[in-house]
Amino acid sequence: MFEMIEIKYEVVDISGDYVTCLSEKGSTTNIAIYLLPDGIDIGDKLLYKDLSYEKIS
């Protein structure tokens, strides 16, 4: 059975080709910027769902 995973993040830093994000549970992760929607900036909210990232604010 496939379990759908949804994780909400906030962008906290952008450094070169990587974006540091803080999850709603308090953990940080680095995501390659090319995986994210265009125009990402510090403070933006992201939703990881269906193996992709979507800007939600």
PDB file of N, CA and C in Angstrom:
ATOM      1  N   MET A   1       0.837  -1.179   0.000  1.00  0.00           N
ATOM      2  CA  MET A   1       0.000   0.000   0.000  1.00  0.00           C
ATOM      3  C   MET A   1       0.884   1.245   0.000  1.00  0.00           C
ATOM      4  N   PHE A   2       0.525   2.207  -0.786  1.00  0.00           N
ATOM      5  CA  PHE A   2       1.278   3.456  -0.876  1.00  0.00           C
ATOM      6  C   PHE A   2       0.727   4.467   0.122  1.00  0.00           C
ATOM      7  N   GLU A   3       1.603   5.015   0.948  1.00  0.00           N
ATOM      8  CA  GLU A   3       1.204   6.024   1.920  1.00  0.00           C
ATOM      9  C   GLU A   3       1.637   7.399   1.416  1.00  0.00           C
ATOM     10  N   MET A   4       0.687   8.314   1.290  1.00  0.00           N
ATOM     11  CA  MET A   4       1.008   9.659   0.826  1.00  0.00           C
ATOM     12  C   MET A   4       1.665  10.446   1.962  1.00  0.00           C
ATOM     13  N   ILE A   5       2.800  11.027   1.653  1.00  0.00           N
ATOM     14  CA  ILE A   5       3.538  11.814   2.639  1.00  0.00           C
ATOM     15  C   ILE A   5       3.393  13.286   2.296  1.00  0.00           C
ATOM     16  N   GLU A   6       3.041  14.080   3.282  1.00  0.00           N
ATOM     17  CA  GLU A   6       2.989  15.539   3.143  1.00  0.00           C
ATOM     18  C   GLU A   6       3.818  16.148   4.257  1.00  0.00           C
ATOM     19  N   ILE A   7       4.739  17.019   3.877  1.00  0.00           N
ATOM     20  CA  ILE A   7       5.581  17.707   4.857  1.00  0.00           C
ATOM     21  C   ILE A   7       5.575  19.189   4.513  1.00  0.00           C
ATOM     22  N   LYS A   8       5.353  20.026   5.519  1.00  0.00           N
ATOM     23  CA  LYS A   8       5.400  21.476   5.319  1.00  0.00           C
ATOM     24  C   LYS A   8       6.752  21.988   5.812  1.00  0.00           C
ATOM     25  N   TYR A   9       7.342  22.879   5.009  1.00  0.00           N
ATOM     26  CA  TYR A   9       8.641  23.461   5.323  1.00  0.00           C
ATOM     27  C   TYR A   9       8.578  24.976   5.249  1.00  0.00           C
ATOM     28  N   GLU A  10       9.529  25.614   5.936  1.00  0.00           N
ATOM     29  CA  GLU A  10       9.778  27.046   5.773  1.00  0.00           C
ATOM     30  C   GLU A  10      11.225  27.210   5.345  1.00  0.00           C
ATOM     31  N   VAL A  11      11.449  28.023   4.323  1.00  0.00           N
ATOM     32  CA  VAL A  11      12.808  28.283   3.836  1.00  0.00           C
ATOM     33  C   VAL A  11      13.506  29.200   4.840  1.00  0.00           C
ATOM     34  N   VAL A  12      14.661  28.756   5.368  1.00  0.00           N
ATOM     35  CA  VAL A  12      15.382  29.552   6.353  1.00  0.00           C
ATOM     36  C   VAL A  12      16.728  30.066   5.844  1.00  0.00           C
ATOM     37  N   ASP A  13      17.250  29.473   4.753  1.00  0.00           N
ATOM     38  CA  ASP A  13      18.531  29.931   4.217  1.00  0.00           C
ATOM     39  C   ASP A  13      18.675  29.436   2.777  1.00  0.00           C
ATOM     40  N   ILE A  14      19.315  30.257   1.972  1.00  0.00           N
ATOM     41  CA  ILE A  14      19.647  29.866   0.608  1.00  0.00           C
ATOM     42  C   ILE A  14      21.143  30.068   0.445  1.00  0.00           C
ATOM     43  N   SER A  15      21.849  28.991   0.095  1.00  0.00           N
ATOM     44  CA  SER A  15      23.299  29.045  -0.020  1.00  0.00           C
ATOM     45  C   SER A  15      23.725  28.279  -1.261  1.00  0.00           C
ATOM     46  N   GLY A  16      24.062  29.017  -2.312  1.00  0.00           N
ATOM     47  CA  GLY A  16      24.493  28.369  -3.550  1.00  0.00           C
ATOM     48  C   GLY A  16      23.383  27.559  -4.178  1.00  0.00           C
ATOM     49  N   ASP A  17      23.622  26.269  -4.355  1.00  0.00           N
ATOM     50  CA  ASP A  17      22.660  25.385  -4.998  1.00  0.00           C
ATOM     51  C   ASP A  17      21.719  24.692  -4.025  1.00  0.00           C
ATOM     52  N   TYR A  18      21.790  25.050  -2.745  1.00  0.00           N
ATOM     53  CA  TYR A  18      20.979  24.372  -1.738  1.00  0.00           C
ATOM     54  C   TYR A  18      20.159  25.355  -0.915  1.00  0.00           C
ATOM     55  N   VAL A  19      18.990  24.882  -0.507  1.00  0.00           N
ATOM     56  CA  VAL A  19      18.081  25.660   0.324  1.00  0.00           C
ATOM     57  C   VAL A  19      17.917  24.905   1.639  1.00  0.00           C
ATOM     58  N   THR A  20      18.119  25.584   2.763  1.00  0.00           N
ATOM     59  CA  THR A  20      17.902  24.966   4.064  1.00  0.00           C
ATOM     60  C   THR A  20      16.472  25.253   4.489  1.00  0.00           C
ATOM     61  N   CYS A  21      15.761  24.188   4.842  1.00  0.00           N
ATOM     62  CA  CYS A  21      14.356  24.309   5.212  1.00  0.00           C
ATOM     63  C   CYS A  21      14.133  23.736   6.604  1.00  0.00           C
ATOM     64  N   LEU A  22      13.186  24.332   7.316  1.00  0.00           N
ATOM     65  CA  LEU A  22      12.783  23.879   8.639  1.00  0.00           C
ATOM     66  C   LEU A  22      11.406  23.245   8.509  1.00  0.00           C
ATOM     67  N   SER A  23      11.279  21.991   8.929  1.00  0.00           N
ATOM     68  CA  SER A  23       9.982  21.314   8.840  1.00  0.00           C
ATOM     69  C   SER A  23       9.092  21.771   9.984  1.00  0.00           C
ATOM     70  N   GLU A  24       7.804  21.485   9.864  1.00  0.00           N
ATOM     71  CA  GLU A  24       6.857  21.862  10.905  1.00  0.00           C
ATOM     72  C   GLU A  24       7.117  21.093  12.203  1.00  0.00           C
ATOM     73  N   LYS A  25       7.895  20.019  12.131  1.00  0.00           N
ATOM     74  CA  LYS A  25       8.244  19.240  13.324  1.00  0.00           C
ATOM     75  C   LYS A  25       9.555  19.695  13.944  1.00  0.00           C
ATOM     76  N   GLY A  26      10.223  20.690  13.319  1.00  0.00           N
ATOM     77  CA  GLY A  26      11.419  21.271  13.895  1.00  0.00           C
ATOM     78  C   GLY A  26      12.741  20.754  13.368  1.00  0.00           C
ATOM     79  N   SER A  27      12.731  19.851  12.416  1.00  0.00           N
ATOM     80  CA  SER A  27      13.999  19.361  11.868  1.00  0.00           C
ATOM     81  C   SER A  27      14.376  20.171  10.625  1.00  0.00           C
ATOM     82  N   THR A  28      15.674  20.260  10.364  1.00  0.00           N
ATOM     83  CA  THR A  28      16.141  20.983   9.185  1.00  0.00           C
ATOM     84  C   THR A  28      16.607  20.004   8.128  1.00  0.00           C
ATOM     85  N   THR A  29      16.509  20.432   6.888  1.00  0.00           N
ATOM     86  CA  THR A  29      16.968  19.620   5.765  1.00  0.00           C
ATOM     87  C   THR A  29      17.456  20.536   4.658  1.00  0.00           C
ATOM     88  N   ASN A  30      18.417  20.066   3.889  1.00  0.00           N
ATOM     89  CA  ASN A  30      18.915  20.800   2.725  1.00  0.00           C
ATOM     90  C   ASN A  30      18.309  20.186   1.474  1.00  0.00           C
ATOM     91  N   ILE A  31      17.773  21.040   0.613  1.00  0.00           N
ATOM     92  CA  ILE A  31      17.129  20.601  -0.619  1.00  0.00           C
ATOM     93  C   ILE A  31      17.809  21.305  -1.782  1.00  0.00           C
ATOM     94  N   ALA A  32      18.126  20.557  -2.824  1.00  0.00           N
ATOM     95  CA  ALA A  32      18.724  21.150  -4.018  1.00  0.00           C
ATOM     96  C   ALA A  32      17.739  22.148  -4.624  1.00  0.00           C
ATOM     97  N   ILE A  33      18.212  23.340  -4.921  1.00  0.00           N
ATOM     98  CA  ILE A  33      17.340  24.421  -5.371  1.00  0.00           C
ATOM     99  C   ILE A  33      16.625  24.083  -6.679  1.00  0.00           C
ATOM    100  N   TYR A  34      17.225  23.258  -7.526  1.00  0.00           N
ATOM    101  CA  TYR A  34      16.585  22.930  -8.800  1.00  0.00           C
ATOM    102  C   TYR A  34      15.330  22.072  -8.623  1.00  0.00           C
ATOM    103  N   LEU A  35      15.132  21.485  -7.443  1.00  0.00           N
ATOM    104  CA  LEU A  35      13.924  20.706  -7.169  1.00  0.00           C
ATOM    105  C   LEU A  35      12.742  21.582  -6.744  1.00  0.00           C
ATOM    106  N   LEU A  36      13.022  22.847  -6.447  1.00  0.00           N
ATOM    107  CA  LEU A  36      11.998  23.744  -5.911  1.00  0.00           C
ATOM    108  C   LEU A  36      11.432  24.657  -6.994  1.00  0.00           C
ATOM    109  N   PRO A  37      10.236  25.197  -6.762  1.00  0.00           N
ATOM    110  CA  PRO A  37       9.652  26.127  -7.739  1.00  0.00           C
ATOM    111  C   PRO A  37      10.514  27.384  -7.892  1.00  0.00           C
ATOM    112  N   ASP A  38      10.435  28.024  -9.051  1.00  0.00           N
ATOM    113  CA  ASP A  38      11.169  29.265  -9.292  1.00  0.00           C
ATOM    114  C   ASP A  38      10.715  30.353  -8.322  1.00  0.00           C
ATOM    115  N   GLY A  39      11.628  31.249  -7.985  1.00  0.00           N
ATOM    116  CA  GLY A  39      11.299  32.407  -7.164  1.00  0.00           C
ATOM    117  C   GLY A  39      11.284  32.146  -5.672  1.00  0.00           C
ATOM    118  N   ILE A  40      11.893  31.061  -5.223  1.00  0.00           N
ATOM    119  CA  ILE A  40      11.927  30.747  -3.794  1.00  0.00           C
ATOM    120  C   ILE A  40      12.769  31.788  -3.066  1.00  0.00           C
ATOM    121  N   ASP A  41      12.298  32.202  -1.872  1.00  0.00           N
ATOM    122  CA  ASP A  41      13.019  33.178  -1.065  1.00  0.00           C
ATOM    123  C   ASP A  41      12.894  32.785   0.402  1.00  0.00           C
ATOM    124  N   ILE A  42      13.760  33.335   1.228  1.00  0.00           N
ATOM    125  CA  ILE A  42      13.734  33.069   2.662  1.00  0.00           C
ATOM    126  C   ILE A  42      12.378  33.499   3.221  1.00  0.00           C
ATOM    127  N   GLY A  43      11.798  32.629   4.048  1.00  0.00           N
ATOM    128  CA  GLY A  43      10.491  32.885   4.642  1.00  0.00           C
ATOM    129  C   GLY A  43       9.338  32.236   3.897  1.00  0.00           C
ATOM    130  N   ASP A  44       9.584  31.767   2.669  1.00  0.00           N
ATOM    131  CA  ASP A  44       8.530  31.103   1.904  1.00  0.00           C
ATOM    132  C   ASP A  44       8.173  29.764   2.544  1.00  0.00           C
ATOM    133  N   LYS A  45       6.933  29.367   2.369  1.00  0.00           N
ATOM    134  CA  LYS A  45       6.445  28.079   2.863  1.00  0.00           C
ATOM    135  C   LYS A  45       6.339  27.119   1.681  1.00  0.00           C
ATOM    136  N   LEU A  46       6.730  25.874   1.924  1.00  0.00           N
ATOM    137  CA  LEU A  46       6.692  24.838   0.894  1.00  0.00           C
ATOM    138  C   LEU A  46       5.904  23.640   1.397  1.00  0.00           C
ATOM    139  N   LEU A  47       5.296  22.938   0.458  1.00  0.00           N
ATOM    140  CA  LEU A  47       4.626  21.688   0.762  1.00  0.00           C
ATOM    141  C   LEU A  47       5.249  20.607  -0.108  1.00  0.00           C
ATOM    142  N   TYR A  48       5.757  19.554   0.539  1.00  0.00           N
ATOM    143  CA  TYR A  48       6.268  18.385  -0.177  1.00  0.00           C
ATOM    144  C   TYR A  48       5.136  17.377  -0.234  1.00  0.00           C
ATOM    145  N   LYS A  49       4.718  17.037  -1.457  1.00  0.00           N
ATOM    146  CA  LYS A  49       3.600  16.120  -1.655  1.00  0.00           C
ATOM    147  C   LYS A  49       3.731  15.506  -3.044  1.00  0.00           C
ATOM    148  N   ASP A  50       3.414  14.248  -3.157  1.00  0.00           N
ATOM    149  CA  ASP A  50       3.472  13.542  -4.448  1.00  0.00           C
ATOM    150  C   ASP A  50       4.863  13.672  -5.098  1.00  0.00           C
ATOM    151  N   LEU A  51       5.900  13.551  -4.308  1.00  0.00           N
ATOM    152  CA  LEU A  51       7.297  13.585  -4.762  1.00  0.00           C
ATOM    153  C   LEU A  51       7.706  14.903  -5.405  1.00  0.00           C
ATOM    154  N   SER A  52       7.032  15.998  -5.044  1.00  0.00           N
ATOM    155  CA  SER A  52       7.417  17.315  -5.558  1.00  0.00           C
ATOM    156  C   SER A  52       7.150  18.376  -4.495  1.00  0.00           C
ATOM    157  N   TYR A  53       7.713  19.554  -4.732  1.00  0.00           N
ATOM    158  CA  TYR A  53       7.568  20.679  -3.812  1.00  0.00           C
ATOM    159  C   TYR A  53       6.693  21.754  -4.452  1.00  0.00           C
ATOM    160  N   GLU A  54       5.821  22.331  -3.631  1.00  0.00           N
ATOM    161  CA  GLU A  54       4.914  23.384  -4.094  1.00  0.00           C
ATOM    162  C   GLU A  54       5.000  24.565  -3.133  1.00  0.00           C
ATOM    163  N   LYS A  55       5.092  25.761  -3.656  1.00  0.00           N
ATOM    164  CA  LYS A  55       5.101  26.965  -2.833  1.00  0.00           C
ATOM    165  C   LYS A  55       3.670  27.236  -2.363  1.00  0.00           C
ATOM    166  N   ILE A  56       3.479  27.398  -1.057  1.00  0.00           N
ATOM    167  CA  ILE A  56       2.135  27.597  -0.540  1.00  0.00           C
ATOM    168  C   ILE A  56       1.923  28.986   0.055  1.00  0.00           C
ATOM    169  N   SER A  57       2.971  29.801   0.109  1.00  0.00           N
ATOM    170  CA  SER A  57       2.792  31.203   0.514  1.00  0.00           C
ATOM    171  C   SER A  57       4.001  32.022   0.170  1.00  0.00           C
TER     172      SER A  57
END
